[in-house]
Amino acid sequence: MDIKKTIPYRLLRQIYFIAKGVLAQKSASEEEYNQENIKDRESNTFYNPITDSAINDFKNQNGIFNDFSLAESSVRAFLSHLLVQNKSSYHICEFGGGQSTIFWNILSNYVGIKITTYEHDPEWAKYLQERIINKNIFIKHCVLMQVDDDARENMFLNPNESIQIWDSYKHDISLEQFKNPTLKGAFYNLEVEDFPSINIDAIVLDGPHGNGRSMCFPIFFKHIKPGTLILVDDYHHYPFLDDLGRLFKFTILEERRYLHSNKGWVVIQVIAKISVENG
């Protein structure tokens, strides 16, 4: 018997080359990020002492920037436009907790910040809550709920009533669906007390999966003001910018796409709200 013609051999061979390809892509993407950081440092792009010190501390504590978290350059770009405002404190709303939340905790040693993080995964939310003991960082565990396409569209057409529309049409989704990368119309199930009571200076939009990430714009329509900075991770996966443009005029401050991974990011500043009549 020719072992090379057997099904187990062929299957193992396929697994080998798939794994080899994945590892090669991972290695290539890591090298691309490393080269990007070197180039940015040499050109002094996005670098300031506060961000640099916080990132060094983060890495020394085994913090990670990679394909499954925010890119280091996106954090640097975001903070380069935020910290230049020279405020005594900044309020950031983060959608999708993770390594970035741990980084904000370290950054709080260098600058006044208040972080509100919304996370749907109960285990990950619990991990963050146990690890981050900081009176200025709030980890809010919010399950995901879902609306159909018609309700989602209605929220964009009537942003001032978007929360009422959301509450009327939202429905449960299974826990298994939480990790579905193509999940449609899902967002964090916020209660009244979960909305910020102070002005938002910036938003980090790194969740949830699928096109529901855009629903931050109508749901937080009343909280997003001219001047608000928004960092959108993987902004090219869905028409997030088109959705934002339905409700707000904005300018793109920085953006990047990567060759060896399906990542990209954009830093935006809101200029003005678009009137509902024009929406």
Protein backbone atom coordinates (compact mmCIF):
# COMPACT_ATOMS: atom_id res chain seq x y z
CA MET A 1 0.00 0.00 0.00
CA ASP A 2 1.27 3.41 -0.96
CA ILE A 3 0.88 5.45 2.25
CA LYS A 4 0.91 8.69 0.27
CA LYS A 5 -2.42 7.68 -1.30
CA THR A 6 -4.22 6.95 1.97
CA ILE A 7 -6.83 9.35 3.36
CA PRO A 8 -5.10 9.81 6.77
CA TYR A 9 -1.85 10.73 5.07
CA ARG A 10 -3.53 13.23 2.77
CA LEU A 11 -5.47 14.70 5.68
CA LEU A 12 -2.35 15.08 7.81
CA ARG A 13 -0.56 16.63 4.86
CA GLN A 14 -3.38 19.16 4.41
CA ILE A 15 -3.32 19.99 8.12
CA TYR A 16 0.45 20.44 7.94
CA PHE A 17 0.36 22.87 5.05
CA ILE A 18 -2.61 24.78 6.50
CA ALA A 19 -0.76 25.16 9.81
CA LYS A 20 2.42 26.09 7.98
CA GLY A 21 0.55 28.76 6.03
CA VAL A 22 -1.10 30.18 9.14
CA LEU A 23 2.20 30.32 10.99
CA ALA A 24 3.91 31.92 8.02
CA GLN A 25 1.18 34.56 7.80
CA LYS A 26 1.38 35.19 11.56
CA SER A 27 5.14 35.58 11.32
CA ALA A 28 4.80 37.93 8.33
CA SER A 29 2.20 40.08 10.07
CA GLU A 30 4.31 40.32 13.24
CA GLU A 31 7.30 41.35 11.17
CA GLU A 32 5.17 43.96 9.41
CA TYR A 33 4.05 45.42 12.76
CA ASN A 34 7.65 45.44 14.03
CA GLN A 35 8.90 47.22 10.94
CA GLU A 36 6.04 49.69 11.20
CA ASN A 37 6.97 50.53 14.80
CA ILE A 38 10.63 50.95 13.87
CA LYS A 39 9.73 53.25 10.99
CA ASP A 40 7.37 55.29 13.17
CA ARG A 41 10.01 55.65 15.86
CA GLU A 42 12.68 56.74 13.40
CA SER A 43 10.35 59.36 11.93
CA ASN A 44 8.98 60.29 15.38
CA THR A 45 5.47 59.53 14.12
CA PHE A 46 2.82 59.42 16.86
CA TYR A 47 5.48 59.32 19.59
CA ASN A 48 5.24 61.26 22.84
CA PRO A 49 6.84 60.59 26.24
CA ILE A 50 3.60 59.65 28.05
CA THR A 51 2.49 57.10 25.46
CA ASP A 52 6.00 55.71 25.11
CA SER A 53 6.41 55.18 28.86
CA ALA A 54 2.98 53.54 29.21
CA ILE A 55 3.57 51.19 26.25
CA ASN A 56 6.99 50.18 27.59
CA ASP A 57 5.42 49.36 30.97
CA PHE A 58 2.62 47.46 29.23
CA LYS A 59 5.06 45.31 27.27
CA ASN A 60 7.24 44.72 30.35
CA GLN A 61 4.12 43.31 32.03
CA ASN A 62 3.55 40.93 29.10
CA GLY A 63 1.00 43.17 27.38
CA ILE A 64 0.38 42.28 23.74
CA PHE A 65 -0.42 44.18 20.55
CA ASN A 66 -1.17 41.72 17.74
CA ASP A 67 -3.75 40.51 15.19
CA PHE A 68 -6.29 39.90 17.94
CA SER A 69 -5.89 43.23 19.71
CA LEU A 70 -5.38 46.84 18.75
CA ALA A 71 -2.24 47.55 16.75
CA GLU A 72 0.41 49.47 18.68
CA SER A 73 0.45 52.16 16.00
CA SER A 74 -3.31 52.69 16.35
CA VAL A 75 -2.94 53.32 20.09
CA ARG A 76 -0.09 55.72 19.48
CA ALA A 77 -1.98 57.58 16.75
CA PHE A 78 -5.14 57.77 18.86
CA LEU A 79 -3.29 59.14 21.89
CA SER A 80 -1.23 61.57 19.81
CA HIS A 81 -4.48 63.36 18.90
CA LEU A 82 -6.09 62.95 22.31
CA LEU A 83 -3.28 64.04 24.63
CA VAL A 84 -2.44 67.11 22.59
CA GLN A 85 -5.65 68.62 24.00
CA ASN A 86 -3.83 68.98 27.36
CA LYS A 87 -6.85 68.27 29.55
CA SER A 88 -6.56 67.30 33.20
CA SER A 89 -8.64 64.18 32.51
CA TYR A 90 -10.07 62.34 29.51
CA HIS A 91 -13.15 60.13 29.35
CA ILE A 92 -12.89 57.22 26.93
CA CYS A 93 -15.69 54.78 26.12
CA GLU A 94 -14.33 51.45 24.92
CA PHE A 95 -16.51 48.89 23.14
CA GLY A 96 -14.87 45.48 23.42
CA GLY A 97 -12.54 44.94 26.36
CA GLY A 98 -9.17 43.27 26.08
CA GLN A 99 -5.48 44.02 26.05
CA SER A 100 -6.31 47.66 25.40
CA THR A 101 -8.23 47.84 28.69
CA ILE A 102 -5.15 46.59 30.52
CA PHE A 103 -3.12 49.22 28.69
CA TRP A 104 -5.49 52.04 29.74
CA ASN A 105 -4.99 50.90 33.33
CA ILE A 106 -1.24 51.38 32.94
CA LEU A 107 -1.72 54.68 31.11
CA SER A 108 -3.68 55.97 34.13
CA ASN A 109 -0.34 56.11 35.99
CA TYR A 110 0.75 58.87 33.65
CA VAL A 111 -2.35 60.87 32.74
CA GLY A 112 -5.83 61.48 34.14
CA ILE A 113 -8.30 59.19 32.37
CA LYS A 114 -11.69 57.68 33.02
CA ILE A 115 -12.48 54.53 31.06
CA THR A 116 -15.88 52.91 30.56
CA THR A 117 -15.41 49.50 28.93
CA TYR A 118 -18.33 47.46 27.57
CA GLU A 119 -17.65 43.74 27.20
CA HIS A 120 -20.10 40.95 26.36
CA ASP A 121 -18.00 37.88 27.16
CA PRO A 122 -18.73 37.03 30.83
CA GLU A 123 -15.43 35.23 31.45
CA TRP A 124 -13.33 37.97 29.88
CA ALA A 125 -15.30 40.68 31.70
CA LYS A 126 -14.74 38.86 34.99
CA TYR A 127 -11.02 38.53 34.25
CA LEU A 128 -10.71 42.26 33.59
CA GLN A 129 -12.77 43.15 36.66
CA GLU A 130 -10.53 41.01 38.86
CA ARG A 131 -7.29 42.23 37.36
CA ILE A 132 -8.04 45.95 37.07
CA ILE A 133 -8.64 47.56 40.45
CA ASN A 134 -8.92 51.19 39.48
CA LYS A 135 -11.66 53.58 40.60
CA ASN A 136 -11.47 55.36 37.23
CA ILE A 137 -11.92 52.26 35.06
CA PHE A 138 -15.38 50.72 34.87
CA ILE A 139 -15.81 47.28 33.29
CA LYS A 140 -19.46 46.80 32.36
CA HIS A 141 -20.53 43.30 31.40
CA CYS A 142 -23.37 43.66 28.87
CA VAL A 143 -24.77 40.72 26.95
CA LEU A 144 -25.30 41.09 23.24
CA MET A 145 -28.78 41.61 21.85
CA GLN A 146 -29.83 41.77 18.21
CA VAL A 147 -32.26 43.60 15.92
CA ASP A 148 -33.24 42.83 12.34
CA ASP A 149 -32.24 44.93 9.33
CA ASP A 150 -35.43 47.01 9.35
CA ALA A 151 -35.05 48.01 13.01
CA ARG A 152 -31.36 48.76 12.48
CA GLU A 153 -32.20 51.02 9.54
CA ASN A 154 -34.90 52.75 11.56
CA MET A 155 -32.34 53.53 14.26
CA PHE A 156 -30.17 55.36 11.73
CA LEU A 157 -33.15 57.22 10.29
CA ASN A 158 -34.30 58.31 13.74
CA PRO A 159 -31.18 58.56 15.92
CA ASN A 160 -32.88 60.62 18.63
CA GLU A 161 -35.28 57.70 19.15
CA SER A 162 -32.70 54.97 18.52
CA ILE A 163 -32.61 53.73 22.11
CA GLN A 164 -36.39 53.36 22.22
CA ILE A 165 -36.31 51.53 18.87
CA TRP A 166 -33.53 49.29 20.12
CA ASP A 167 -35.43 48.48 23.33
CA SER A 168 -38.60 47.70 21.37
CA TYR A 169 -37.10 45.35 18.78
CA LYS A 170 -34.02 43.77 20.41
CA HIS A 171 -34.04 40.04 21.06
CA ASP A 172 -31.76 37.47 22.64
CA ILE A 173 -29.05 35.65 20.75
CA SER A 174 -27.38 32.42 21.79
CA LEU A 175 -24.09 32.39 23.63
CA GLU A 176 -22.61 30.43 20.72
CA GLN A 177 -23.35 33.34 18.39
CA PHE A 178 -21.31 35.79 20.47
CA LYS A 179 -18.14 34.77 18.65
CA ASN A 180 -19.64 34.69 15.18
CA PRO A 181 -17.45 37.10 13.14
CA THR A 182 -20.32 37.83 10.74
CA LEU A 183 -22.97 38.47 13.39
CA LYS A 184 -25.57 40.98 12.12
CA GLY A 185 -27.31 43.75 14.02
CA ALA A 186 -25.86 42.95 17.44
CA PHE A 187 -24.85 45.41 20.13
CA TYR A 188 -24.33 45.61 23.87
CA ASN A 189 -27.55 45.52 25.89
CA LEU A 190 -27.11 48.75 27.82
CA GLU A 191 -29.34 49.77 30.69
CA VAL A 192 -29.97 53.41 31.57
CA GLU A 193 -27.27 53.37 34.24
CA ASP A 194 -24.72 52.00 31.74
CA PHE A 195 -24.67 55.16 29.66
CA PRO A 196 -21.99 57.72 30.55
CA SER A 197 -22.98 60.48 32.93
CA ILE A 198 -20.09 62.72 31.84
CA ASN A 199 -19.00 63.96 28.42
CA ILE A 200 -17.14 61.56 26.17
CA ASP A 201 -13.79 62.74 24.83
CA ALA A 202 -13.09 59.65 22.75
CA ILE A 203 -14.43 56.26 21.69
CA VAL A 204 -12.48 53.08 20.99
CA LEU A 205 -14.66 50.89 18.79
CA ASP A 206 -13.31 47.34 18.81
CA GLY A 207 -16.53 45.36 19.27
CA PRO A 208 -18.82 43.63 18.84
CA HIS A 209 -18.29 41.37 15.84
CA GLY A 210 -20.05 41.99 12.54
CA ASN A 211 -21.85 45.08 11.30
CA GLY A 212 -23.39 45.82 14.71
CA ARG A 213 -20.32 47.85 15.64
CA SER A 214 -21.87 50.74 13.68
CA MET A 215 -24.87 50.81 16.00
CA CYS A 216 -22.74 52.69 18.48
CA PHE A 217 -23.37 55.76 16.30
CA PRO A 218 -27.18 56.00 16.65
CA ILE A 219 -27.29 54.53 20.18
CA PHE A 220 -24.69 57.06 21.41
CA PHE A 221 -25.93 59.81 19.10
CA LYS A 222 -26.73 62.15 22.00
CA HIS A 223 -23.36 61.53 23.64
CA ILE A 224 -21.12 62.04 20.60
CA LYS A 225 -20.22 65.72 20.31
CA PRO A 226 -18.18 67.77 17.84
CA GLY A 227 -14.53 67.13 18.64
CA THR A 228 -15.04 63.54 19.81
CA LEU A 229 -12.23 61.24 18.66
CA ILE A 230 -13.12 57.75 17.45
CA LEU A 231 -10.67 54.90 16.90
CA VAL A 232 -12.29 52.18 14.78
CA ASP A 233 -10.42 48.88 14.63
CA ASP A 234 -10.79 46.80 11.46
CA TYR A 235 -12.71 49.70 9.94
CA HIS A 236 -12.66 48.16 6.46
CA HIS A 237 -14.45 44.92 7.38
CA TYR A 238 -17.87 46.57 7.11
CA PRO A 239 -19.01 50.05 5.92
CA PHE A 240 -18.50 51.56 9.37
CA LEU A 241 -17.40 54.92 7.98
CA ASP A 242 -20.39 55.10 5.64
CA ASP A 243 -22.66 54.43 8.61
CA LEU A 244 -20.93 57.11 10.67
CA GLY A 245 -21.33 59.54 7.77
CA ARG A 246 -25.10 59.14 7.87
CA LEU A 247 -25.21 60.82 11.28
CA PHE A 248 -22.04 62.89 11.60
CA LYS A 249 -19.66 64.98 9.57
CA PHE A 250 -16.14 63.83 10.35
CA THR A 251 -12.55 64.01 9.23
CA ILE A 252 -10.07 61.14 9.03
CA LEU A 253 -6.96 62.01 11.01
CA GLU A 254 -4.98 58.79 10.50
CA GLU A 255 -5.56 55.41 8.89
CA ARG A 256 -3.62 52.30 8.04
CA ARG A 257 -4.17 48.94 6.37
CA TYR A 258 -1.86 45.95 6.60
CA LEU A 259 -0.57 43.69 3.86
CA HIS A 260 -0.05 40.47 5.80
CA SER A 261 -3.13 40.49 8.00
CA ASN A 262 -6.76 41.50 7.62
CA LYS A 263 -6.30 44.37 10.04
CA GLY A 264 -6.66 48.06 9.61
CA TRP A 265 -7.52 51.04 11.78
CA VAL A 266 -8.66 54.61 11.47
CA VAL A 267 -8.69 57.60 13.83
CA ILE A 268 -11.55 60.00 13.21
CA GLN A 269 -12.63 63.32 14.66
CA VAL A 270 -16.30 64.26 14.63
CA ILE A 271 -16.95 67.73 13.24
CA ALA A 272 -20.71 68.08 13.54
CA LYS A 273 -23.96 66.17 13.79
CA ILE A 274 -26.06 65.89 10.67
CA SER A 275 -29.62 67.01 11.30
CA VAL A 276 -32.19 64.26 11.48
CA GLU A 277 -34.03 65.82 8.53
CA ASN A 278 -30.94 65.25 6.40
CA GLY A 279 -30.40 61.74 7.78
